Amino acid sequence: MKYNNKLAATALLAMIPTGYAMAATTAIDSVDIAAAPQSAVTAPASTPAAAPLASSDCSNGFLSRLASAYREDAQPADPNAPAAARRAMPAPLDSPPFPNAEWQLGGVDTPIGVPDGNAQYPLEKALSCTALGQWMQKNRIEVFGWVNPSANLSSSNFSNFPLSYATRPNRVEFDQWVLNIQRVPDTVQTDHLDWGFDISNLYGYDYHYTVTKGVFSNQLLNNPAPGQPLNGHIYGDDPMLFYYDLYIPWVAQGMEVRIGRWLSLPDIEAQFSPQNYLVTHSILYTVDPYTQMGVLTTTKLNDQWTVQLGIDGSNDTADWNHSARPSLQACVRWVSASNNDMLYPCLNNVNGSNYNYNNVQMYVMTWGHRFNQSVHMLTEAYRMFGRGIPGFGPGGTPGVVASSPLAGEAGEFGVVNYLNFELNSSNMLSVRNEFYNDEKGQRTGFATRYSSHTIGITHWVSQDLEIRPELRYEHSYDVSAYDGGRKDDQETALIDAILHY
């Protein structure tokens, strides 16, 4: 554990000067890195030294090509690079600096009709001279990932929960190391079937929140850790995503069928750090479902309407596990003709079964509004409840969660708002406010109302390196719920770095 902590600290501290050295004081132009291809790069005319090695120069070794790729990515993108074709409304947002250029839609890599959103990161560039890399390019298979350490200072001493994922206070943490191998179906074209897949693996402290029962879950569920804020090994591994996509262009304006394990559809936030506006997560997100496993369809009716329908084994449970319960997912996304508003109501998990592992019923709505190209907000609200939960019936000890001898229903609701500002093409600011009511304490361990208030900045040093400082204050109103029940409020300062590869 001490080794991992030192490793995370070294990585976090080393990334900042290294990234600035790579950037060489250049800025990122206001382009969507998720949609724009990498362009050829030349050294500034005033630089007397020789031009950096090109990442595509196969006379150089792998490490030289990798270093060249990072240097190239630190240069301004070509403003004259042609935009990729799309069969959808224009992207409503700028990315960077925002984490995504499209309105929210879970269950697909990009909305149907939008081109592949992945940039070509340094690892792919460095592999391009190898037989493996050439085979992957020919077959449109991508490989990329990131390393994400963080550090926090907190007014709590034992636990920051329900703040996530930086649950351990006053320390440097190794949050996640992610590797993605992916093929994205081409949904812009309409003349043939296409297919895709995703295999994404996460290692780090964040596995505590992402693990699904029946998939390497013993490392978390069967390893009590009374001296730690959360049970389980300190660091663990989670094969976060594994699914197959089939794109059928002839159903309405296109349908994708997904089979496997996918991220829960409706959340503003996501498990993968680059997909978030802030370092920490809202309480609302922390305690809701993370993934489902089954079959999901996403159908584009027209540019404004998309419908989704799926069957899965309930929340965070493998279909083959005895805790699985057949469940329905159903969502509709509407985007206004002006592209300034988005509504995304979802039945994220509906079945008739009693609570079993994380089998909560969830009804959720997200609204996005764009004030202008530089300012937009996202608001999410949900109601969740579980039936027949042991310890939550009548007759329990007042003030003691789950103390009833009978089973009963326990529910919770919350609302969170993000107000996001594009400061320039390399910087964004996000302000998050939320209210959460854990009515009987089934989700957080304390029956109380909460509010949390967070402000943070994302600074893109280059398209491969993000630095995100953040300040957060939160309060519990009915009982002391922070630092393991010792305090009723918590102040936290955090910073993390995301190095893409």
Protein backbone atom coordinates (compact mmCIF):
# COMPACT_ATOMS: atom_id res chain seq x y z
CA MET A 1 0.00 0.00 0.00
CA LYS A 2 2.85 2.40 0.80
CA TYR A 3 4.39 1.62 -2.57
CA ASN A 4 1.14 2.40 -4.39
CA ASN A 5 0.74 5.65 -2.48
CA LYS A 6 4.28 6.77 -3.35
CA LEU A 7 3.73 5.78 -6.96
CA ALA A 8 0.54 7.85 -7.17
CA ALA A 9 2.25 10.85 -5.57
CA THR A 10 5.18 10.62 -7.94
CA ALA A 11 2.89 10.36 -10.96
CA LEU A 12 0.74 13.31 -9.89
CA LEU A 13 3.68 15.61 -9.22
CA ALA A 14 5.60 14.57 -12.32
CA MET A 15 2.74 15.10 -14.74
CA ILE A 16 2.44 18.83 -14.20
CA PRO A 17 5.95 20.01 -15.19
CA THR A 18 6.18 17.30 -17.83
CA GLY A 19 2.91 18.41 -19.40
CA TYR A 20 3.90 22.06 -19.43
CA ALA A 21 7.22 21.18 -20.99
CA MET A 22 5.41 19.25 -23.72
CA ALA A 23 2.97 22.08 -24.29
CA ALA A 24 5.78 24.65 -24.65
CA THR A 25 3.31 27.44 -23.83
CA THR A 26 1.05 26.62 -26.78
CA ALA A 27 -2.73 26.61 -26.45
CA ILE A 28 -5.32 24.21 -27.75
CA ASP A 29 -7.48 25.63 -30.50
CA SER A 30 -11.22 25.46 -29.95
CA VAL A 31 -11.90 22.19 -31.70
CA ASP A 32 -13.64 19.04 -30.66
CA ILE A 33 -10.87 16.55 -29.88
CA ALA A 34 -13.53 13.88 -29.70
CA ALA A 35 -14.41 14.44 -33.36
CA ALA A 36 -11.39 16.05 -35.02
CA PRO A 37 -8.62 13.91 -36.52
CA GLN A 38 -5.02 14.55 -35.58
CA SER A 39 -3.27 16.81 -38.06
CA ALA A 40 0.31 17.02 -39.17
CA VAL A 41 2.39 19.23 -36.90
CA THR A 42 5.39 21.42 -37.64
CA ALA A 43 7.73 23.15 -35.22
CA PRO A 44 7.43 26.92 -34.80
CA ALA A 45 9.41 28.80 -37.41
CA SER A 46 11.44 30.59 -34.75
CA THR A 47 12.73 27.34 -33.24
CA PRO A 48 16.36 26.88 -34.26
CA ALA A 49 16.57 23.27 -33.13
CA ALA A 50 15.75 20.37 -35.44
CA ALA A 51 12.09 19.47 -35.83
CA PRO A 52 10.88 16.77 -33.41
CA LEU A 53 10.82 13.20 -34.60
CA ALA A 54 7.54 12.42 -36.37
CA SER A 55 5.48 9.73 -34.70
CA SER A 56 4.93 8.16 -38.11
CA ASP A 57 8.66 7.88 -38.93
CA CYS A 58 9.17 4.12 -38.88
CA SER A 59 12.96 4.48 -38.85
CA ASN A 60 12.67 5.48 -35.20
CA GLY A 61 12.03 3.13 -32.31
CA PHE A 62 8.75 2.71 -30.49
CA LEU A 63 9.68 4.94 -27.54
CA SER A 64 10.94 7.68 -29.86
CA ARG A 65 7.67 7.58 -31.80
CA LEU A 66 5.71 7.68 -28.52
CA ALA A 67 7.63 10.75 -27.33
CA SER A 68 7.10 12.40 -30.72
CA ALA A 69 3.36 11.76 -30.48
CA TYR A 70 3.17 13.58 -27.14
CA ARG A 71 5.14 16.51 -28.56
CA GLU A 72 2.89 16.67 -31.61
CA ASP A 73 -0.26 16.63 -29.50
CA ALA A 74 1.04 19.61 -27.52
CA GLN A 75 1.04 21.78 -30.64
CA PRO A 76 -1.99 23.75 -31.90
CA ALA A 77 -4.38 21.73 -34.01
CA ASP A 78 -4.75 22.62 -37.67
CA PRO A 79 -7.67 25.09 -37.88
CA ASN A 80 -8.14 24.18 -41.55
CA ALA A 81 -8.51 20.45 -40.94
CA PRO A 82 -11.75 19.24 -42.56
CA ALA A 83 -14.57 18.34 -40.18
CA ALA A 84 -15.72 14.73 -40.17
CA ALA A 85 -19.01 14.05 -41.92
CA ARG A 86 -22.04 13.71 -39.63
CA ARG A 87 -25.70 12.82 -40.03
CA ALA A 88 -26.99 14.76 -37.05
CA MET A 89 -27.41 18.27 -35.67
CA PRO A 90 -24.19 20.24 -35.21
CA ALA A 91 -22.35 19.50 -31.97
CA PRO A 92 -23.87 21.85 -29.37
CA LEU A 93 -20.74 22.20 -27.20
CA ASP A 94 -16.99 22.68 -27.57
CA SER A 95 -14.71 19.84 -26.54
CA PRO A 96 -12.20 20.74 -25.30
CA PRO A 97 -12.62 22.36 -22.89
CA PHE A 98 -15.86 20.49 -22.03
CA PRO A 99 -15.57 16.70 -21.59
CA ASN A 100 -18.03 16.02 -24.42
CA ALA A 101 -19.32 17.97 -27.42
CA GLU A 102 -22.69 16.17 -27.64
CA TRP A 103 -25.84 16.23 -25.55
CA GLN A 104 -26.03 13.34 -23.13
CA LEU A 105 -27.02 9.89 -24.44
CA GLY A 106 -25.94 6.68 -22.70
CA GLY A 107 -25.71 3.23 -24.23
CA VAL A 108 -23.87 4.29 -27.43
CA ASP A 109 -20.31 5.41 -28.11
CA THR A 110 -21.67 8.45 -29.95
CA PRO A 111 -25.25 9.40 -30.85
CA ILE A 112 -26.37 7.73 -34.07
CA GLY A 113 -25.23 9.82 -37.03
CA VAL A 114 -22.25 11.33 -35.16
CA PRO A 115 -18.74 10.20 -36.23
CA ASP A 116 -16.32 8.30 -34.01
CA GLY A 117 -15.47 10.61 -31.13
CA ASN A 118 -12.03 9.26 -30.24
CA ALA A 119 -8.85 11.13 -31.05
CA GLN A 120 -5.79 9.14 -32.05
CA TYR A 121 -3.77 9.16 -28.85
CA PRO A 122 0.03 8.59 -28.55
CA LEU A 123 -0.06 4.81 -28.05
CA GLU A 124 -1.92 4.29 -31.32
CA LYS A 125 0.45 6.63 -33.15
CA ALA A 126 3.51 4.82 -31.79
CA LEU A 127 2.05 1.45 -32.81
CA SER A 128 1.34 2.59 -36.37
CA CYS A 129 4.69 1.27 -37.67
CA THR A 130 4.16 -2.21 -36.26
CA ALA A 131 2.29 -5.09 -37.88
CA LEU A 132 -0.19 -5.03 -35.00
CA GLY A 133 -0.78 -1.30 -35.33
CA GLN A 134 -1.27 -1.52 -39.10
CA TRP A 135 -3.73 -4.40 -38.68
CA MET A 136 -5.66 -2.39 -36.08
CA GLN A 137 -5.80 0.67 -38.34
CA LYS A 138 -7.01 -1.43 -41.26
CA ASN A 139 -9.80 -2.86 -39.10
CA ARG A 140 -10.63 0.44 -37.30
CA ILE A 141 -9.66 -0.97 -33.90
CA GLU A 142 -8.48 1.60 -31.40
CA VAL A 143 -6.37 1.21 -28.26
CA PHE A 144 -5.97 4.03 -25.74
CA GLY A 145 -6.35 4.83 -22.06
CA TRP A 146 -5.27 7.09 -19.23
CA VAL A 147 -3.67 7.23 -15.81
CA ASN A 148 -5.46 9.28 -13.12
CA PRO A 149 -3.87 10.06 -9.72
CA SER A 150 -5.31 12.63 -7.31
CA ALA A 151 -4.64 14.33 -3.98
CA ASN A 152 -7.02 15.76 -1.38
CA LEU A 153 -7.01 17.79 1.83
CA SER A 154 -10.08 17.28 3.98
CA SER A 155 -11.58 18.44 7.27
CA SER A 156 -12.37 14.76 7.91
CA ASN A 157 -9.80 12.29 9.19
CA PHE A 158 -11.21 8.79 8.66
CA SER A 159 -13.54 8.99 5.67
CA ASN A 160 -14.74 11.51 3.07
CA PHE A 161 -17.78 9.37 2.16
CA PRO A 162 -20.33 10.04 0.65
CA LEU A 163 -17.86 12.10 -1.37
CA SER A 164 -16.46 9.90 -4.12
CA TYR A 165 -14.18 8.64 -5.43
CA ALA A 166 -11.57 10.32 -3.17
CA THR A 167 -12.92 8.50 -0.12
CA ARG A 168 -9.69 8.33 1.88
CA PRO A 169 -8.94 11.79 3.31
CA ASN A 170 -5.71 13.77 3.31
CA ARG A 171 -3.68 11.68 0.94
CA VAL A 172 -2.50 11.09 -2.59
CA GLU A 173 -4.56 8.39 -4.29
CA PHE A 174 -4.11 6.20 -7.36
CA ASP A 175 -7.65 6.51 -8.69
CA GLN A 176 -7.68 4.68 -12.00
CA TRP A 177 -5.54 3.28 -14.75
CA VAL A 178 -7.77 2.43 -17.72
CA LEU A 179 -7.08 0.54 -20.93
CA ASN A 180 -9.66 0.60 -23.74
CA ILE A 181 -9.70 -1.62 -26.84
CA GLN A 182 -12.55 -0.53 -29.05
CA ARG A 183 -14.14 -0.53 -32.48
CA VAL A 184 -16.83 2.09 -33.02
CA PRO A 185 -19.53 1.32 -35.61
CA ASP A 186 -19.88 3.85 -38.42
CA THR A 187 -23.40 5.19 -37.91
CA VAL A 188 -22.99 8.13 -40.30
CA GLN A 189 -23.38 5.87 -43.33
CA THR A 190 -26.75 4.25 -44.08
CA ASP A 191 -25.95 1.64 -46.74
CA HIS A 192 -24.62 -1.35 -44.78
CA LEU A 193 -24.56 -3.07 -41.40
CA ASP A 194 -21.61 -2.27 -39.18
CA TRP A 195 -20.36 -3.59 -35.87
CA GLY A 196 -18.25 -2.59 -32.91
CA PHE A 197 -17.07 -3.71 -29.50
CA ASP A 198 -15.50 -2.35 -26.35
CA ILE A 199 -13.25 -4.01 -23.79
CA SER A 200 -12.32 -1.54 -21.04
CA ASN A 201 -10.39 -2.47 -17.91
CA LEU A 202 -9.99 -0.29 -14.80
CA TYR A 203 -7.39 -0.74 -12.07
CA GLY A 204 -7.13 1.47 -8.98
CA TYR A 205 -9.00 2.64 -5.91
CA ASP A 206 -12.11 3.49 -7.94
CA TYR A 207 -12.95 -0.19 -8.39
CA HIS A 208 -14.66 0.04 -4.99
CA TYR A 209 -17.53 1.83 -6.71
CA THR A 210 -17.62 0.17 -10.13
CA VAL A 211 -17.45 -3.58 -9.37
CA THR A 212 -20.44 -5.64 -10.47
CA LYS A 213 -21.44 -8.71 -8.48
CA GLY A 214 -20.25 -11.86 -10.21
CA VAL A 215 -17.34 -10.24 -12.10
CA PHE A 216 -14.17 -10.29 -9.97
CA SER A 217 -16.33 -9.09 -7.06
CA ASN A 218 -14.75 -11.23 -4.33
CA GLN A 219 -11.89 -8.72 -4.01
CA LEU A 220 -14.48 -6.22 -2.74
CA LEU A 221 -17.38 -8.18 -1.25
CA ASN A 222 -15.45 -10.92 0.56
CA ASN A 223 -12.66 -8.82 2.06
CA PRO A 224 -13.86 -6.78 5.04
CA ALA A 225 -11.58 -3.89 5.98
CA PRO A 226 -12.72 -2.44 9.32
CA GLY A 227 -9.78 -0.01 9.45
CA GLN A 228 -10.64 1.53 6.08
CA PRO A 229 -13.53 3.74 4.92
CA LEU A 230 -14.62 1.05 2.43
CA ASN A 231 -14.39 -2.74 2.51
CA GLY A 232 -12.26 -4.65 0.04
CA HIS A 233 -8.66 -4.58 -1.09
CA ILE A 234 -7.24 -1.05 -1.31
CA TYR A 235 -6.64 -1.37 -5.05
CA GLY A 236 -8.48 -3.70 -7.38
CA ASP A 237 -9.31 -4.52 -10.96
CA ASP A 238 -12.64 -4.25 -12.78
CA PRO A 239 -13.30 -5.17 -16.43
CA MET A 240 -15.65 -2.21 -16.60
CA LEU A 241 -17.04 -2.66 -20.10
CA PHE A 242 -17.39 -5.63 -22.42
CA TYR A 243 -20.00 -5.43 -25.13
CA TYR A 244 -20.73 -6.02 -28.81
CA ASP A 245 -22.57 -3.44 -30.94
CA LEU A 246 -24.53 -4.08 -34.13
CA TYR A 247 -25.61 -1.05 -36.19
CA ILE A 248 -28.67 -1.55 -38.42
CA PRO A 249 -29.15 1.49 -40.67
CA TRP A 250 -32.55 0.45 -42.06
CA VAL A 251 -34.54 0.67 -38.80
CA ALA A 252 -35.97 4.21 -38.62
CA GLN A 253 -32.88 6.44 -39.07
CA GLY A 254 -30.60 3.84 -37.54
CA MET A 255 -30.59 1.38 -34.64
CA GLU A 256 -27.77 0.09 -32.46
CA VAL A 257 -28.13 -3.19 -30.58
CA ARG A 258 -25.72 -3.59 -27.66
CA ILE A 259 -25.08 -6.93 -25.95
CA GLY A 260 -22.91 -7.08 -22.82
CA ARG A 261 -22.09 -4.80 -19.89
CA TRP A 262 -22.61 -1.06 -20.33
CA LEU A 263 -22.55 2.08 -18.21
CA SER A 264 -25.85 3.07 -16.61
CA LEU A 265 -27.65 5.29 -19.13
CA PRO A 266 -28.97 8.50 -17.59
CA ASP A 267 -26.24 10.03 -15.41
CA ILE A 268 -24.53 13.36 -16.15
CA GLU A 269 -21.45 11.84 -14.53
CA ALA A 270 -19.52 8.69 -15.47
CA GLN A 271 -17.10 6.19 -13.99
CA PHE A 272 -14.28 7.15 -16.35
CA SER A 273 -12.51 10.30 -15.15
CA PRO A 274 -12.13 12.12 -18.54
CA GLN A 275 -15.91 12.04 -19.03
CA ASN A 276 -16.63 14.27 -16.00
CA TYR A 277 -16.80 18.01 -15.42
CA LEU A 278 -15.30 17.71 -11.91
CA VAL A 279 -12.92 15.52 -9.91
CA THR A 280 -15.46 14.37 -7.33
CA HIS A 281 -18.94 13.01 -7.89
CA SER A 282 -22.26 14.18 -6.55
CA ILE A 283 -23.86 12.20 -3.72
CA LEU A 284 -26.72 11.51 -6.12
CA TYR A 285 -24.32 9.76 -8.50
CA THR A 286 -22.21 8.08 -5.80
CA VAL A 287 -25.06 5.89 -4.54
CA ASP A 288 -27.00 5.16 -7.74
CA PRO A 289 -26.50 2.20 -10.14
CA TYR A 290 -23.28 2.08 -12.15
CA THR A 291 -23.61 -0.62 -14.82
CA GLN A 292 -26.11 -3.07 -16.28
CA MET A 293 -25.64 -6.24 -18.30
CA GLY A 294 -28.01 -7.51 -20.96
CA VAL A 295 -29.39 -6.37 -24.35
CA LEU A 296 -30.07 -2.71 -25.18
CA THR A 297 -31.45 -1.07 -28.33
CA THR A 298 -30.98 2.59 -29.26
CA THR A 299 -33.09 3.86 -32.19
CA LYS A 300 -32.85 7.26 -33.86
CA LEU A 301 -36.29 8.37 -35.05
CA ASN A 302 -35.02 11.71 -36.36
CA ASP A 303 -32.50 14.40 -35.36
CA GLN A 304 -34.61 15.34 -32.34
CA TRP A 305 -35.93 12.02 -31.01
CA THR A 306 -34.07 8.89 -29.88
CA VAL A 307 -35.63 5.97 -27.99
CA GLN A 308 -33.93 3.23 -25.97
CA LEU A 309 -35.25 -0.09 -24.71
CA GLY A 310 -33.31 -2.77 -22.86
CA ILE A 311 -33.56 -5.92 -20.76
CA ASP A 312 -30.87 -6.66 -18.17
CA GLY A 313 -30.17 -8.50 -14.93
CA SER A 314 -30.70 -5.46 -12.69
CA ASN A 315 -28.09 -3.05 -11.35
CA ASP A 316 -24.41 -3.94 -10.89
CA THR A 317 -25.12 -7.66 -11.16
CA ALA A 318 -23.87 -10.13 -13.75
CA ASP A 319 -26.64 -11.93 -15.58
CA TRP A 320 -25.24 -15.31 -14.45
CA ASN A 321 -25.16 -14.36 -10.76
CA HIS A 322 -27.89 -15.65 -8.45
CA SER A 323 -28.69 -12.03 -7.45
CA ALA A 324 -29.73 -11.08 -11.01
CA ARG A 325 -33.36 -10.10 -11.58
CA PRO A 326 -34.86 -9.52 -15.06
CA SER A 327 -35.34 -5.76 -15.38
CA LEU A 328 -36.50 -3.17 -17.89
CA GLN A 329 -34.64 -0.07 -19.09
CA ALA A 330 -36.49 2.51 -21.19
CA CYS A 331 -35.35 6.03 -22.11
CA VAL A 332 -36.29 8.79 -24.53
CA ARG A 333 -34.03 11.66 -25.57
CA TRP A 334 -35.44 14.82 -27.13
CA VAL A 335 -33.37 17.72 -28.46
CA SER A 336 -35.01 21.00 -29.44
CA ALA A 337 -34.87 22.22 -33.03
CA SER A 338 -32.65 25.09 -31.84
CA ASN A 339 -30.24 22.56 -30.26
CA ASN A 340 -30.42 24.62 -27.06
CA ASP A 341 -32.40 22.16 -24.92
CA MET A 342 -32.30 18.44 -24.22
CA LEU A 343 -34.64 16.25 -22.14
CA TYR A 344 -33.68 12.69 -21.21
CA PRO A 345 -36.26 10.82 -19.06
CA CYS A 346 -35.37 7.23 -18.14
CA LEU A 347 -36.79 4.24 -16.38
CA ASN A 348 -33.30 3.13 -15.45
CA ASN A 349 -34.33 -0.01 -13.59
CA VAL A 350 -37.85 -1.38 -13.23
CA ASN A 351 -38.91 -4.84 -12.05
CA GLY A 352 -41.31 -6.43 -9.60
CA SER A 353 -38.69 -8.05 -7.34
CA ASN A 354 -37.71 -7.27 -3.78
CA TYR A 355 -34.31 -5.73 -3.04
CA ASN A 356 -31.43 -8.08 -3.82
CA TYR A 357 -27.86 -6.77 -3.85
CA ASN A 358 -28.41 -3.41 -5.60
CA ASN A 359 -31.88 -4.00 -7.06
CA VAL A 360 -33.37 -0.52 -6.63
CA GLN A 361 -36.13 0.88 -8.84
CA MET A 362 -34.98 4.12 -10.46
CA TYR A 363 -36.86 6.88 -12.30
CA VAL A 364 -34.71 9.75 -13.55
CA MET A 365 -34.90 12.90 -15.68
CA THR A 366 -32.05 15.01 -17.08
CA TRP A 367 -32.44 18.46 -18.64
CA GLY A 368 -29.70 20.23 -20.54
CA HIS A 369 -29.87 23.89 -21.56
CA ARG A 370 -27.38 25.88 -23.63
CA PHE A 371 -27.39 29.62 -22.95
CA ASN A 372 -24.77 30.19 -25.64
CA GLN A 373 -21.76 28.36 -27.05
CA SER A 374 -19.74 29.08 -23.89
CA VAL A 375 -22.31 28.51 -21.11
CA HIS A 376 -24.63 25.57 -20.52
CA MET A 377 -26.17 23.72 -17.60
CA LEU A 378 -27.25 20.17 -16.86
CA THR A 379 -29.81 19.22 -14.20
CA GLU A 380 -30.62 15.67 -13.08
CA ALA A 381 -33.27 14.49 -10.62
CA TYR A 382 -34.28 10.98 -9.60
CA ARG A 383 -36.40 8.88 -7.29
CA MET A 384 -35.09 5.48 -6.19
CA PHE A 385 -36.47 2.86 -3.80
CA GLY A 386 -36.09 -0.78 -2.91
CA ARG A 387 -38.80 -3.17 -1.78
CA GLY A 388 -38.54 -5.73 1.00
CA ILE A 389 -35.14 -4.61 2.31
CA PRO A 390 -34.15 -6.44 5.54
CA GLY A 391 -34.04 -4.11 8.54
CA PHE A 392 -36.12 -1.32 7.00
CA GLY A 393 -39.59 -2.34 8.13
CA PRO A 394 -41.55 -0.88 11.08
CA GLY A 395 -40.45 -1.14 14.69
CA GLY A 396 -36.78 -0.29 14.43
CA THR A 397 -34.72 1.57 17.03
CA PRO A 398 -35.08 5.34 16.48
CA GLY A 399 -31.92 6.79 14.94
CA VAL A 400 -30.41 3.39 14.14
CA VAL A 401 -30.39 2.53 10.44
CA ALA A 402 -31.63 -0.94 9.41
CA SER A 403 -32.59 -1.89 12.99
CA SER A 404 -36.09 -3.23 12.32
CA PRO A 405 -36.71 -6.97 12.68
CA LEU A 406 -38.85 -6.71 9.56
CA ALA A 407 -38.20 -6.01 5.92
CA GLY A 408 -39.63 -2.89 4.33
CA GLU A 409 -39.28 -0.24 1.66
CA ALA A 410 -36.56 2.41 1.71
CA GLY A 411 -36.36 5.30 -0.73
CA GLU A 412 -34.32 8.34 -1.63
CA PHE A 413 -34.45 11.25 -4.03
CA GLY A 414 -32.08 13.97 -5.15
CA VAL A 415 -31.41 16.73 -7.63
CA VAL A 416 -28.08 18.03 -8.94
CA ASN A 417 -27.27 21.00 -11.17
CA TYR A 418 -24.10 21.70 -13.17
CA LEU A 419 -23.44 25.20 -14.49
CA ASN A 420 -20.52 25.07 -16.93
CA PHE A 421 -18.47 27.90 -18.43
CA GLU A 422 -15.97 27.81 -21.30
CA LEU A 423 -13.27 30.29 -20.25
CA ASN A 424 -11.23 29.70 -23.39
CA SER A 425 -10.29 26.76 -25.57
CA SER A 426 -8.03 25.31 -22.87
CA ASN A 427 -10.02 26.01 -19.70
CA MET A 428 -13.51 25.40 -18.33
CA LEU A 429 -15.12 26.14 -14.97
CA SER A 430 -17.92 24.07 -13.46
CA VAL A 431 -20.17 24.86 -10.48
CA ARG A 432 -22.22 22.00 -9.01
CA ASN A 433 -24.96 22.24 -6.39
CA GLU A 434 -27.09 19.37 -5.15
CA PHE A 435 -29.68 18.30 -2.61
CA TYR A 436 -30.09 14.66 -1.55
CA ASN A 437 -32.48 12.99 0.88
CA ASP A 438 -31.56 9.48 2.02
CA GLU A 439 -34.90 9.00 3.77
CA LYS A 440 -34.05 5.88 5.79
CA GLY A 441 -30.28 5.81 5.34
CA GLN A 442 -30.22 2.77 3.05
CA ARG A 443 -27.83 4.33 0.52
CA THR A 444 -25.36 6.33 2.65
CA GLY A 445 -25.75 4.66 6.05
CA PHE A 446 -27.34 7.78 7.59
CA ALA A 447 -31.00 8.84 7.43
CA THR A 448 -30.51 12.48 6.61
CA ARG A 449 -30.79 15.25 4.06
CA TYR A 450 -27.59 16.46 2.41
CA SER A 451 -26.44 19.39 0.33
CA SER A 452 -23.12 19.72 -1.46
CA HIS A 453 -21.54 22.64 -3.32
CA THR A 454 -18.52 22.26 -5.61
CA ILE A 455 -16.47 24.48 -7.90
CA GLY A 456 -13.66 23.28 -10.14
CA ILE A 457 -11.57 24.10 -13.19
CA THR A 458 -10.33 21.83 -15.95
CA HIS A 459 -7.11 23.01 -17.60
CA TRP A 460 -5.99 21.25 -20.77
CA VAL A 461 -2.20 21.42 -20.84
CA SER A 462 -2.42 19.50 -24.11
CA GLN A 463 -5.00 17.12 -25.51
CA ASP A 464 -3.15 14.38 -23.60
CA LEU A 465 -3.00 16.02 -20.16
CA GLU A 466 -5.74 17.55 -18.00
CA ILE A 467 -5.23 19.19 -14.59
CA ARG A 468 -8.34 19.69 -12.43
CA PRO A 469 -8.30 21.61 -9.10
CA GLU A 470 -11.52 21.65 -7.05
CA LEU A 471 -13.07 22.97 -3.82
CA ARG A 472 -16.10 21.33 -2.17
CA TYR A 473 -18.32 21.96 0.87
CA GLU A 474 -21.12 19.65 2.04
CA HIS A 475 -23.50 19.35 4.97
CA SER A 476 -25.83 16.79 6.54
CA TYR A 477 -28.93 18.28 8.18
CA ASP A 478 -30.55 15.62 10.37
CA VAL A 479 -27.67 13.62 11.82
CA SER A 480 -23.87 13.83 11.71
CA ALA A 481 -23.05 11.84 8.58
CA TYR A 482 -19.46 12.85 7.77
CA ASP A 483 -16.17 11.33 8.90
CA GLY A 484 -17.96 8.11 9.80
CA GLY A 485 -20.73 9.88 11.74
CA ARG A 486 -18.52 12.30 13.66
CA LYS A 487 -19.33 15.57 11.82
CA ASP A 488 -22.23 17.25 10.09
CA ASP A 489 -20.17 19.06 7.46
CA GLN A 490 -17.01 18.59 5.41
CA GLU A 491 -14.65 20.84 3.45
CA THR A 492 -12.36 19.35 0.82
CA ALA A 493 -9.72 20.66 -1.59
CA LEU A 494 -8.66 18.33 -4.38
CA ILE A 495 -6.55 18.18 -7.51
CA ASP A 496 -6.10 15.42 -10.04
CA ALA A 497 -4.31 14.82 -13.33
CA ILE A 498 -5.40 12.76 -16.30
CA LEU A 499 -2.60 11.61 -18.61
CA HIS A 500 -3.95 10.04 -21.79
CA TYR A 501 -1.92 7.50 -23.71
